């Protein structure tokens, strides 16, 4: 589990073959706070691939960078499948 986390933290968008920075749009969806400052909902990241209209959203992790990396990996897979058809 810790190795997966380190891999996600080191991910760079340039390492993903199907995505280019100019082709993606990143939206940050802020988390919600409950009583006494307790996080109720984690910060989510939504990445959209503009040319295809495909998007991926992730709020699995507490860290925004981890959510970004996870969403980018999933979006890379989706775009690769779409482009290979």
Protein backbone atom coordinates (compact mmCIF):
# COMPACT_ATOMS: atom_id res chain seq x y z
CA UNK A 1 0.00 0.00 0.00
CA UNK A 2 2.77 2.45 0.89
CA UNK A 3 4.59 1.66 -2.38
CA UNK A 4 1.42 2.49 -4.34
CA UNK A 5 1.16 5.80 -2.50
CA UNK A 6 4.79 6.70 -3.28
CA UNK A 7 4.25 5.80 -6.96
CA UNK A 8 1.18 8.04 -7.12
CA UNK A 9 3.02 10.93 -5.45
CA UNK A 10 5.85 10.72 -7.99
CA UNK A 11 3.52 10.58 -11.01
CA UNK A 12 3.97 13.30 -13.61
CA UNK A 13 1.38 13.90 -16.32
CA UNK A 14 4.18 13.71 -18.91
CA UNK A 15 4.72 10.05 -17.93
CA UNK A 16 1.30 9.08 -19.28
CA UNK A 17 1.39 8.31 -23.01
CA UNK A 18 -2.21 9.19 -23.90
CA UNK A 19 -2.44 12.54 -22.09
CA UNK A 20 -0.89 15.92 -22.82
CA UNK A 21 -1.15 18.96 -20.55
CA UNK A 22 -2.76 21.04 -23.28
CA UNK A 23 -5.54 18.46 -23.73
CA UNK A 24 -6.72 18.23 -20.12
CA UNK A 25 -8.75 20.40 -17.80
CA UNK A 26 -8.49 19.90 -14.04
CA UNK A 27 -11.29 20.80 -11.64
CA UNK A 28 -10.80 20.73 -7.87
CA UNK A 29 -13.95 20.01 -5.89
CA UNK A 30 -13.39 21.16 -2.29
CA UNK A 31 -14.20 18.93 0.63
CA UNK A 32 -16.90 19.69 3.15
CA UNK A 33 -16.29 20.35 6.82
CA UNK A 34 -18.46 19.09 9.65
CA UNK A 35 -18.71 20.04 13.29
CA UNK A 36 -15.46 20.87 15.11
CA UNK A 37 -13.54 21.06 11.82
CA UNK A 38 -13.85 17.37 11.01
CA UNK A 39 -13.57 16.59 7.30
CA UNK A 40 -16.84 15.09 6.13
CA UNK A 41 -16.08 14.82 2.45
CA UNK A 42 -12.60 14.65 0.95
CA UNK A 43 -11.29 17.00 -1.70
CA UNK A 44 -12.02 15.52 -5.12
CA UNK A 45 -10.22 16.00 -8.43
CA UNK A 46 -11.94 15.78 -11.80
CA UNK A 47 -9.78 15.60 -14.93
CA UNK A 48 -11.39 16.04 -18.35
CA UNK A 49 -9.76 15.08 -21.65
CA UNK A 50 -11.02 17.90 -23.86
CA UNK A 51 -10.66 16.27 -27.33
CA UNK A 52 -12.71 13.18 -26.37
CA UNK A 53 -14.88 14.61 -23.60
CA UNK A 54 -13.92 11.73 -21.30
CA UNK A 55 -13.41 12.53 -17.63
CA UNK A 56 -12.41 10.81 -14.43
CA UNK A 57 -13.13 11.89 -10.85
CA UNK A 58 -11.37 10.68 -7.72
CA UNK A 59 -11.95 11.40 -4.02
CA UNK A 60 -10.55 8.16 -2.64
CA UNK A 61 -7.53 9.69 -0.87
CA UNK A 62 -7.18 12.52 1.64
CA UNK A 63 -4.35 14.12 -0.34
CA UNK A 64 -5.25 16.12 -3.45
CA UNK A 65 -2.06 15.00 -5.24
CA UNK A 66 -2.98 11.34 -4.73
CA UNK A 67 -6.48 11.96 -6.07
CA UNK A 68 -5.04 13.78 -9.10
CA UNK A 69 -2.63 10.95 -9.83
CA UNK A 70 -5.29 8.26 -9.46
CA UNK A 71 -7.70 10.15 -11.74
CA UNK A 72 -4.94 10.77 -14.32
CA UNK A 73 -4.03 7.08 -14.46
CA UNK A 74 -7.67 6.07 -14.92
CA UNK A 75 -8.24 8.74 -17.56
CA UNK A 76 -5.10 7.63 -19.39
CA UNK A 77 -6.56 4.10 -19.60
CA UNK A 78 -9.93 5.38 -20.85
CA UNK A 79 -8.37 7.60 -23.51
CA UNK A 80 -6.06 4.78 -24.63
CA UNK A 81 -9.05 2.46 -25.05
CA UNK A 82 -10.99 5.12 -26.98
CA UNK A 83 -8.06 5.93 -29.28
CA UNK A 84 -7.31 2.27 -30.02
CA UNK A 85 -10.81 1.71 -31.47
